[in-house]
């Protein structure tokens, strides 16, 4: 029971840390973190990308991605076009204006990350990465078990 309590406390701390990071990121860079992940992915991807692989790349629910893309399109930062080969597929590209927005934010992001990580050792980062990989694996296994239990119940 003690291990469960400690584990829950760590998971709650992880959530608080992420929320603090996301808020500080938006304050310093000027973009909400989900929006930045999309812009950054489009910036590093050469050419158009379909929304489904983009959602996978940024780890975002397709519906949430669509809402973000609509907002980004209204700002003129992305362009969305229906695929000529398959009208069920929408391709997304970073516009010239969006490209400029990302290039303007990149130095701010680099400085922010440097400030955030200034007092974090490489060893700590490696250990955190390993721990998070294990946590993600546990989450994936729990999801599979839940899906199997639901399938077995049918």
N, C-alpha and C. Protein backbone atom coordinates (compact mmCIF):
# COMPACT_ATOMS: atom_id res chain seq x y z
N UNK A 1 0.82 -1.20 0.00
CA UNK A 1 0.00 0.00 0.00
C UNK A 1 0.86 1.26 0.00
N UNK A 2 1.98 1.23 0.71
CA UNK A 2 2.89 2.37 0.74
C UNK A 2 3.46 2.66 -0.65
N UNK A 3 3.84 1.60 -1.37
CA UNK A 3 4.36 1.77 -2.73
C UNK A 3 3.30 2.40 -3.63
N UNK A 4 2.06 1.97 -3.48
CA UNK A 4 0.97 2.54 -4.28
C UNK A 4 0.81 4.02 -3.98
N UNK A 5 0.87 4.38 -2.71
CA UNK A 5 0.73 5.79 -2.32
C UNK A 5 1.88 6.62 -2.89
N UNK A 6 3.09 6.11 -2.78
CA UNK A 6 4.25 6.82 -3.31
C UNK A 6 4.17 6.94 -4.83
N UNK A 7 3.76 5.87 -5.48
CA UNK A 7 3.65 5.89 -6.94
C UNK A 7 2.61 6.89 -7.40
N UNK A 8 1.48 6.92 -6.70
CA UNK A 8 0.44 7.88 -7.03
C UNK A 8 0.95 9.31 -6.84
N UNK A 9 1.70 9.54 -5.78
CA UNK A 9 2.25 10.87 -5.52
C UNK A 9 3.21 11.28 -6.64
N UNK A 10 4.02 10.34 -7.12
CA UNK A 10 4.95 10.65 -8.22
C UNK A 10 4.18 10.96 -9.50
N UNK A 11 3.14 10.19 -9.79
CA UNK A 11 2.35 10.44 -10.99
C UNK A 11 1.65 11.80 -10.91
N UNK A 12 1.16 12.15 -9.73
CA UNK A 12 0.54 13.46 -9.56
C UNK A 12 1.58 14.58 -9.72
N UNK A 13 2.79 14.35 -9.19
CA UNK A 13 3.86 15.32 -9.35
C UNK A 13 4.22 15.48 -10.83
N UNK A 14 4.25 14.37 -11.55
CA UNK A 14 4.53 14.42 -12.98
C UNK A 14 3.49 15.30 -13.69
N UNK A 15 2.23 15.13 -13.34
CA UNK A 15 1.17 15.95 -13.93
C UNK A 15 1.36 17.42 -13.61
N UNK A 16 1.67 17.74 -12.35
CA UNK A 16 1.90 19.13 -11.96
C UNK A 16 3.10 19.71 -12.71
N UNK A 17 4.16 18.91 -12.83
CA UNK A 17 5.36 19.36 -13.53
C UNK A 17 5.06 19.66 -14.99
N UNK A 18 4.32 18.76 -15.63
CA UNK A 18 3.98 18.98 -17.04
C UNK A 18 3.12 20.24 -17.19
N UNK A 19 2.13 20.42 -16.33
CA UNK A 19 1.27 21.60 -16.44
C UNK A 19 2.08 22.88 -16.21
N UNK A 20 3.00 22.85 -15.25
CA UNK A 20 3.85 24.02 -15.00
C UNK A 20 4.74 24.30 -16.21
N UNK A 21 5.29 23.24 -16.78
CA UNK A 21 6.14 23.38 -17.97
C UNK A 21 5.33 23.97 -19.12
N UNK A 22 4.14 23.43 -19.36
CA UNK A 22 3.31 23.91 -20.47
C UNK A 22 2.93 25.38 -20.29
N UNK A 23 2.59 25.77 -19.07
CA UNK A 23 2.22 27.16 -18.81
C UNK A 23 3.43 28.09 -19.00
N UNK A 24 4.58 27.68 -18.48
CA UNK A 24 5.80 28.49 -18.62
C UNK A 24 6.22 28.58 -20.09
N UNK A 25 6.08 27.48 -20.82
CA UNK A 25 6.41 27.45 -22.24
C UNK A 25 5.56 28.47 -22.99
N UNK A 26 4.26 28.43 -22.75
CA UNK A 26 3.36 29.35 -23.45
C UNK A 26 3.67 30.80 -23.09
N UNK A 27 3.96 31.06 -21.82
CA UNK A 27 4.27 32.41 -21.40
C UNK A 27 5.56 32.92 -22.06
N UNK A 28 6.55 32.07 -22.13
CA UNK A 28 7.86 32.48 -22.65
C UNK A 28 7.91 32.50 -24.19
N UNK A 29 7.30 31.49 -24.83
CA UNK A 29 7.40 31.35 -26.28
C UNK A 29 6.23 32.06 -26.99
N UNK A 30 5.10 32.12 -26.31
CA UNK A 30 3.94 32.78 -26.91
C UNK A 30 3.01 31.84 -27.64
N UNK A 31 3.25 30.53 -27.51
CA UNK A 31 2.40 29.54 -28.16
C UNK A 31 2.05 28.44 -27.15
N UNK A 32 0.80 28.02 -27.13
CA UNK A 32 0.47 26.86 -26.30
C UNK A 32 1.27 25.65 -26.79
N UNK A 33 1.65 24.79 -25.87
CA UNK A 33 2.48 23.64 -26.22
C UNK A 33 1.88 22.75 -27.31
N UNK A 34 0.57 22.43 -27.27
CA UNK A 34 0.02 21.61 -28.36
C UNK A 34 0.18 22.28 -29.73
N UNK A 35 -0.05 23.57 -29.78
CA UNK A 35 0.11 24.30 -31.05
C UNK A 35 1.56 24.26 -31.50
N UNK A 36 2.48 24.45 -30.55
CA UNK A 36 3.90 24.43 -30.90
C UNK A 36 4.32 23.07 -31.44
N UNK A 37 3.82 21.99 -30.83
CA UNK A 37 4.18 20.65 -31.30
C UNK A 37 3.77 20.47 -32.75
N UNK A 38 2.61 20.98 -33.11
CA UNK A 38 2.14 20.88 -34.50
C UNK A 38 3.03 21.71 -35.42
N UNK A 39 3.25 22.97 -35.05
CA UNK A 39 4.08 23.84 -35.88
C UNK A 39 5.48 23.28 -36.05
N UNK A 40 6.05 22.78 -34.98
CA UNK A 40 7.40 22.22 -35.02
C UNK A 40 7.46 20.98 -35.91
N UNK A 41 6.45 20.12 -35.80
CA UNK A 41 6.42 18.91 -36.63
C UNK A 41 6.31 19.27 -38.10
N UNK A 42 5.48 20.24 -38.42
CA UNK A 42 5.33 20.67 -39.81
C UNK A 42 6.60 21.35 -40.31
N UNK A 43 7.27 22.06 -39.43
CA UNK A 43 8.51 22.76 -39.79
C UNK A 43 9.61 21.76 -40.15
N UNK A 44 9.69 20.66 -39.41
CA UNK A 44 10.75 19.68 -39.65
C UNK A 44 10.38 18.67 -40.72
N UNK A 45 9.11 18.61 -41.10
CA UNK A 45 8.66 17.68 -42.14
C UNK A 45 8.71 18.38 -43.49
N UNK A 46 9.40 17.78 -44.43
CA UNK A 46 9.49 18.37 -45.77
C UNK A 46 8.20 18.07 -46.55
N UNK A 47 7.47 19.11 -46.88
CA UNK A 47 6.29 18.93 -47.72
C UNK A 47 5.04 18.62 -46.93
N UNK A 48 3.95 18.35 -47.66
CA UNK A 48 2.66 18.08 -47.00
C UNK A 48 2.69 16.76 -46.24
N UNK A 49 1.87 16.71 -45.20
CA UNK A 49 1.69 15.48 -44.43
C UNK A 49 0.20 15.32 -44.16
N UNK A 50 -0.29 14.10 -44.28
CA UNK A 50 -1.70 13.83 -44.00
C UNK A 50 -1.96 13.99 -42.51
N UNK A 51 -3.18 14.36 -42.17
CA UNK A 51 -3.52 14.63 -40.77
C UNK A 51 -3.31 13.42 -39.88
N UNK A 52 -3.62 12.22 -40.36
CA UNK A 52 -3.50 11.03 -39.50
C UNK A 52 -2.05 10.80 -39.07
N UNK A 53 -1.08 10.77 -39.99
CA UNK A 53 0.31 10.62 -39.54
C UNK A 53 0.80 11.82 -38.72
N UNK A 54 0.26 13.00 -38.99
CA UNK A 54 0.63 14.16 -38.19
C UNK A 54 0.14 13.99 -36.76
N UNK A 55 -1.09 13.49 -36.60
CA UNK A 55 -1.63 13.24 -35.26
C UNK A 55 -0.74 12.24 -34.51
N UNK A 56 -0.31 11.20 -35.20
CA UNK A 56 0.57 10.21 -34.58
C UNK A 56 1.91 10.84 -34.21
N UNK A 57 2.44 11.65 -35.09
CA UNK A 57 3.75 12.27 -34.87
C UNK A 57 3.73 13.18 -33.64
N UNK A 58 2.65 13.93 -33.46
CA UNK A 58 2.59 14.86 -32.34
C UNK A 58 1.89 14.26 -31.12
N UNK A 59 1.44 13.01 -31.23
CA UNK A 59 0.80 12.34 -30.10
C UNK A 59 -0.49 13.01 -29.67
N UNK A 60 -1.31 13.34 -30.65
CA UNK A 60 -2.53 14.08 -30.37
C UNK A 60 -3.74 13.34 -30.92
N UNK A 61 -4.83 13.42 -30.22
CA UNK A 61 -6.10 12.87 -30.69
C UNK A 61 -6.46 13.55 -32.01
N UNK A 62 -6.90 12.77 -33.02
CA UNK A 62 -7.23 13.37 -34.33
C UNK A 62 -8.24 14.50 -34.26
N UNK A 63 -9.23 14.38 -33.39
CA UNK A 63 -10.22 15.46 -33.25
C UNK A 63 -9.60 16.73 -32.70
N UNK A 64 -8.75 16.59 -31.70
CA UNK A 64 -8.07 17.75 -31.13
C UNK A 64 -7.13 18.38 -32.16
N UNK A 65 -6.48 17.53 -32.94
CA UNK A 65 -5.59 18.03 -33.99
C UNK A 65 -6.39 18.84 -35.00
N UNK A 66 -7.52 18.35 -35.42
CA UNK A 66 -8.35 19.06 -36.39
C UNK A 66 -8.73 20.44 -35.86
N UNK A 67 -9.13 20.52 -34.59
CA UNK A 67 -9.48 21.81 -34.00
C UNK A 67 -8.29 22.76 -34.00
N UNK A 68 -7.12 22.24 -33.63
CA UNK A 68 -5.91 23.07 -33.63
C UNK A 68 -5.58 23.54 -35.05
N UNK A 69 -5.69 22.62 -36.01
CA UNK A 69 -5.36 22.98 -37.40
C UNK A 69 -6.30 24.03 -37.95
N UNK A 70 -7.57 23.96 -37.59
CA UNK A 70 -8.52 24.98 -38.04
C UNK A 70 -8.12 26.35 -37.52
N UNK A 71 -7.72 26.40 -36.24
CA UNK A 71 -7.28 27.67 -35.66
C UNK A 71 -6.00 28.16 -36.34
N UNK A 72 -5.07 27.25 -36.58
CA UNK A 72 -3.82 27.63 -37.24
C UNK A 72 -4.07 28.08 -38.68
N UNK A 73 -5.04 27.47 -39.33
CA UNK A 73 -5.38 27.86 -40.70
C UNK A 73 -5.99 29.26 -40.70
N UNK A 74 -6.83 29.56 -39.72
CA UNK A 74 -7.42 30.90 -39.62
C UNK A 74 -6.34 31.97 -39.41
N UNK A 75 -5.27 31.60 -38.71
CA UNK A 75 -4.15 32.52 -38.50
C UNK A 75 -3.28 32.65 -39.75
N UNK A 76 -3.48 31.75 -40.71
CA UNK A 76 -2.69 31.75 -41.94
C UNK A 76 -1.35 31.04 -41.79
N UNK A 77 -1.20 30.24 -40.72
CA UNK A 77 0.06 29.57 -40.44
C UNK A 77 0.17 28.20 -41.08
N UNK A 78 -0.96 27.58 -41.40
CA UNK A 78 -0.95 26.29 -42.08
C UNK A 78 -1.93 26.33 -43.24
N UNK A 79 -1.71 25.43 -44.18
CA UNK A 79 -2.63 25.25 -45.29
C UNK A 79 -3.09 23.81 -45.26
N UNK A 80 -4.39 23.61 -45.48
CA UNK A 80 -4.94 22.26 -45.52
C UNK A 80 -5.62 22.07 -46.87
N UNK A 81 -5.31 20.93 -47.49
CA UNK A 81 -5.89 20.62 -48.80
C UNK A 81 -6.29 19.16 -48.85
N UNK A 82 -7.38 18.90 -49.53
CA UNK A 82 -7.82 17.53 -49.73
C UNK A 82 -6.90 16.86 -50.74
N UNK A 83 -6.52 15.64 -50.45
CA UNK A 83 -5.64 14.88 -51.35
C UNK A 83 -6.33 14.68 -52.69
N UNK A 84 -5.57 14.84 -53.76
CA UNK A 84 -6.12 14.62 -55.10
C UNK A 84 -6.39 13.14 -55.34
N UNK A 85 -5.60 12.27 -54.69
CA UNK A 85 -5.76 10.82 -54.89
C UNK A 85 -6.86 10.21 -54.02
N UNK A 86 -7.12 10.83 -52.85
CA UNK A 86 -8.11 10.27 -51.94
C UNK A 86 -8.77 11.42 -51.21
N UNK A 87 -10.02 11.71 -51.55
CA UNK A 87 -10.68 12.87 -50.97
C UNK A 87 -11.01 12.71 -49.49
N UNK A 88 -10.73 11.55 -48.91
CA UNK A 88 -10.91 11.36 -47.47
C UNK A 88 -9.69 11.83 -46.69
N UNK A 89 -8.60 12.14 -47.39
CA UNK A 89 -7.34 12.52 -46.76
C UNK A 89 -7.13 14.02 -46.89
N UNK A 90 -6.83 14.65 -45.76
CA UNK A 90 -6.49 16.07 -45.77
C UNK A 90 -5.00 16.21 -45.48
N UNK A 91 -4.30 16.88 -46.39
CA UNK A 91 -2.87 17.13 -46.23
C UNK A 91 -2.66 18.51 -45.62
N UNK A 92 -1.63 18.60 -44.80
CA UNK A 92 -1.33 19.84 -44.10
C UNK A 92 0.09 20.27 -44.43
N UNK A 93 0.28 21.56 -44.66
CA UNK A 93 1.62 22.11 -44.85
C UNK A 93 1.73 23.40 -44.04
N UNK A 94 2.94 23.72 -43.68
CA UNK A 94 3.23 24.97 -42.99
C UNK A 94 3.30 26.06 -44.05
N UNK A 95 2.56 27.13 -43.87
CA UNK A 95 2.60 28.23 -44.82
C UNK A 95 3.89 29.03 -44.64
N UNK A 96 4.14 29.95 -45.56
CA UNK A 96 5.32 30.82 -45.44
C UNK A 96 5.23 31.64 -44.16
N UNK A 97 4.04 32.11 -43.85
CA UNK A 97 3.84 32.88 -42.61
C UNK A 97 4.12 31.99 -41.39
N UNK A 98 3.61 30.76 -41.42
CA UNK A 98 3.85 29.82 -40.33
C UNK A 98 5.33 29.49 -40.18
N UNK A 99 6.00 29.36 -41.30
CA UNK A 99 7.44 29.10 -41.30
C UNK A 99 8.17 30.23 -40.56
N UNK A 100 7.77 31.44 -40.84
CA UNK A 100 8.37 32.60 -40.17
C UNK A 100 8.08 32.62 -38.69
N UNK A 101 6.86 32.25 -38.31
CA UNK A 101 6.47 32.20 -36.90
C UNK A 101 7.36 31.21 -36.15
N UNK A 102 7.58 30.04 -36.75
CA UNK A 102 8.42 29.03 -36.11
C UNK A 102 9.86 29.53 -36.00
N UNK A 103 10.38 30.09 -37.07
CA UNK A 103 11.77 30.57 -37.04
C UNK A 103 11.97 31.68 -36.01
N UNK A 104 10.95 32.49 -35.82
CA UNK A 104 11.03 33.54 -34.81
C UNK A 104 11.01 32.94 -33.39
N UNK A 105 10.28 31.85 -33.20
CA UNK A 105 10.12 31.25 -31.87
C UNK A 105 11.26 30.30 -31.50
N UNK A 106 11.98 29.76 -32.49
CA UNK A 106 13.03 28.77 -32.19
C UNK A 106 14.09 29.28 -31.21
N UNK A 107 14.62 30.48 -31.36
CA UNK A 107 15.61 30.93 -30.38
C UNK A 107 15.01 31.09 -28.97
N UNK A 108 13.76 31.52 -28.91
CA UNK A 108 13.09 31.63 -27.61
C UNK A 108 12.95 30.26 -26.95
N UNK A 109 12.57 29.28 -27.77
CA UNK A 109 12.44 27.91 -27.26
C UNK A 109 13.78 27.38 -26.77
N UNK A 110 14.82 27.60 -27.52
CA UNK A 110 16.15 27.12 -27.12
C UNK A 110 16.58 27.76 -25.80
N UNK A 111 16.38 29.05 -25.66
CA UNK A 111 16.74 29.74 -24.42
C UNK A 111 15.90 29.23 -23.25
N UNK A 112 14.62 29.01 -23.50
CA UNK A 112 13.73 28.48 -22.45
C UNK A 112 14.21 27.11 -21.99
N UNK A 113 14.48 26.22 -22.94
CA UNK A 113 14.95 24.88 -22.58
C UNK A 113 16.27 24.94 -21.82
N UNK A 114 17.14 25.82 -22.23
CA UNK A 114 18.42 25.97 -21.52
C UNK A 114 18.17 26.40 -20.08
N UNK A 115 17.26 27.34 -19.87
CA UNK A 115 16.94 27.78 -18.51
C UNK A 115 16.31 26.66 -17.69
N UNK A 116 15.39 25.93 -18.29
CA UNK A 116 14.70 24.84 -17.59
C UNK A 116 15.68 23.75 -17.18
N UNK A 117 16.60 23.42 -18.06
CA UNK A 117 17.49 22.27 -17.84
C UNK A 117 18.84 22.66 -17.22
N UNK A 118 19.02 23.91 -16.93
CA UNK A 118 20.31 24.41 -16.44
C UNK A 118 20.84 23.63 -15.23
N UNK A 119 19.98 23.28 -14.31
CA UNK A 119 20.41 22.61 -13.08
C UNK A 119 20.07 21.12 -13.06
N UNK A 120 19.79 20.56 -14.24
CA UNK A 120 19.46 19.14 -14.33
C UNK A 120 20.64 18.42 -14.99
N UNK A 121 21.19 17.44 -14.30
CA UNK A 121 22.37 16.74 -14.83
C UNK A 121 21.99 15.78 -15.96
N UNK A 122 22.98 15.42 -16.74
CA UNK A 122 22.77 14.43 -17.80
C UNK A 122 22.31 13.10 -17.21
N UNK A 123 22.87 12.74 -16.07
CA UNK A 123 22.48 11.49 -15.41
C UNK A 123 21.01 11.53 -15.03
N UNK A 124 20.58 12.64 -14.47
CA UNK A 124 19.17 12.79 -14.10
C UNK A 124 18.29 12.69 -15.34
N UNK A 125 18.69 13.33 -16.43
CA UNK A 125 17.90 13.27 -17.66
C UNK A 125 17.81 11.84 -18.20
N UNK A 126 18.93 11.12 -18.17
CA UNK A 126 18.91 9.73 -18.64
C UNK A 126 17.99 8.88 -17.76
N UNK A 127 18.08 9.07 -16.44
CA UNK A 127 17.25 8.30 -15.52
C UNK A 127 15.77 8.65 -15.68
N UNK A 128 15.48 9.93 -15.86
CA UNK A 128 14.09 10.33 -16.10
C UNK A 128 13.56 9.71 -17.39
N UNK A 129 14.38 9.75 -18.43
CA UNK A 129 13.97 9.17 -19.70
C UNK A 129 13.69 7.69 -19.56
N UNK A 130 14.58 6.98 -18.89
CA UNK A 130 14.38 5.55 -18.69
C UNK A 130 13.12 5.28 -17.87
N UNK A 131 12.92 6.05 -16.81
CA UNK A 131 11.73 5.89 -15.99
C UNK A 131 10.45 6.18 -16.75
N UNK A 132 10.48 7.20 -17.59
CA UNK A 132 9.30 7.53 -18.37
C UNK A 132 9.01 6.47 -19.43
N UNK A 133 10.05 5.90 -20.01
CA UNK A 133 9.86 4.78 -20.96
C UNK A 133 9.17 3.62 -20.24
N UNK A 134 9.62 3.31 -19.03
CA UNK A 134 9.01 2.22 -18.26
C UNK A 134 7.56 2.54 -17.93
N UNK A 135 7.30 3.79 -17.55
CA UNK A 135 5.94 4.22 -17.24
C UNK A 135 5.05 4.11 -18.47
N UNK A 136 5.54 4.57 -19.62
CA UNK A 136 4.77 4.47 -20.86
C UNK A 136 4.49 3.02 -21.21
N UNK A 137 5.46 2.15 -20.99
CA UNK A 137 5.25 0.72 -21.23
C UNK A 137 4.17 0.16 -20.33
N UNK A 138 4.20 0.57 -19.07
CA UNK A 138 3.17 0.12 -18.13
C UNK A 138 1.79 0.62 -18.51
N UNK A 139 1.72 1.84 -18.98
CA UNK A 139 0.43 2.40 -19.42
C UNK A 139 -0.08 1.61 -20.63
N UNK A 140 0.80 1.34 -21.58
CA UNK A 140 0.40 0.58 -22.77
C UNK A 140 -0.10 -0.81 -22.38
N UNK A 141 0.60 -1.46 -21.45
CA UNK A 141 0.17 -2.79 -20.99
C UNK A 141 -1.18 -2.72 -20.29
N UNK A 142 -1.40 -1.68 -19.49
CA UNK A 142 -2.68 -1.53 -18.79
C UNK A 142 -3.81 -1.31 -19.79
N UNK A 143 -3.55 -0.55 -20.84
CA UNK A 143 -4.57 -0.32 -21.87
C UNK A 143 -4.90 -1.64 -22.57
N UNK A 144 -3.87 -2.41 -22.91
CA UNK A 144 -4.10 -3.71 -23.56
C UNK A 144 -4.91 -4.63 -22.67
N UNK A 145 -4.56 -4.68 -21.38
CA UNK A 145 -5.31 -5.53 -20.44
C UNK A 145 -6.77 -5.11 -20.37
N UNK A 146 -7.00 -3.80 -20.33
CA UNK A 146 -8.37 -3.29 -20.28
C UNK A 146 -9.14 -3.69 -21.53
N UNK A 147 -8.49 -3.55 -22.68
CA UNK A 147 -9.14 -3.93 -23.94
C UNK A 147 -9.42 -5.43 -23.97
N UNK A 148 -8.48 -6.22 -23.48
CA UNK A 148 -8.68 -7.69 -23.46
C UNK A 148 -9.81 -8.05 -22.50
N UNK A 149 -9.85 -7.41 -21.33
CA UNK A 149 -10.91 -7.69 -20.37
C UNK A 149 -12.28 -7.34 -20.94
N UNK A 150 -12.34 -6.22 -21.67
CA UNK A 150 -13.62 -5.83 -22.29
C UNK A 150 -14.01 -6.81 -23.37
N UNK A 151 -13.04 -7.27 -24.16
CA UNK A 151 -13.32 -8.23 -25.22
C UNK A 151 -13.76 -9.57 -24.62
N UNK A 152 -13.12 -9.98 -23.53
CA UNK A 152 -13.48 -11.23 -22.86
C UNK A 152 -14.89 -11.17 -22.27
N UNK A 153 -15.30 -9.98 -21.84
CA UNK A 153 -16.61 -9.81 -21.23
C UNK A 153 -17.74 -9.90 -22.26
N UNK A 154 -17.40 -9.70 -23.51
CA UNK A 154 -18.44 -9.75 -24.56
C UNK A 154 -18.73 -11.15 -24.88
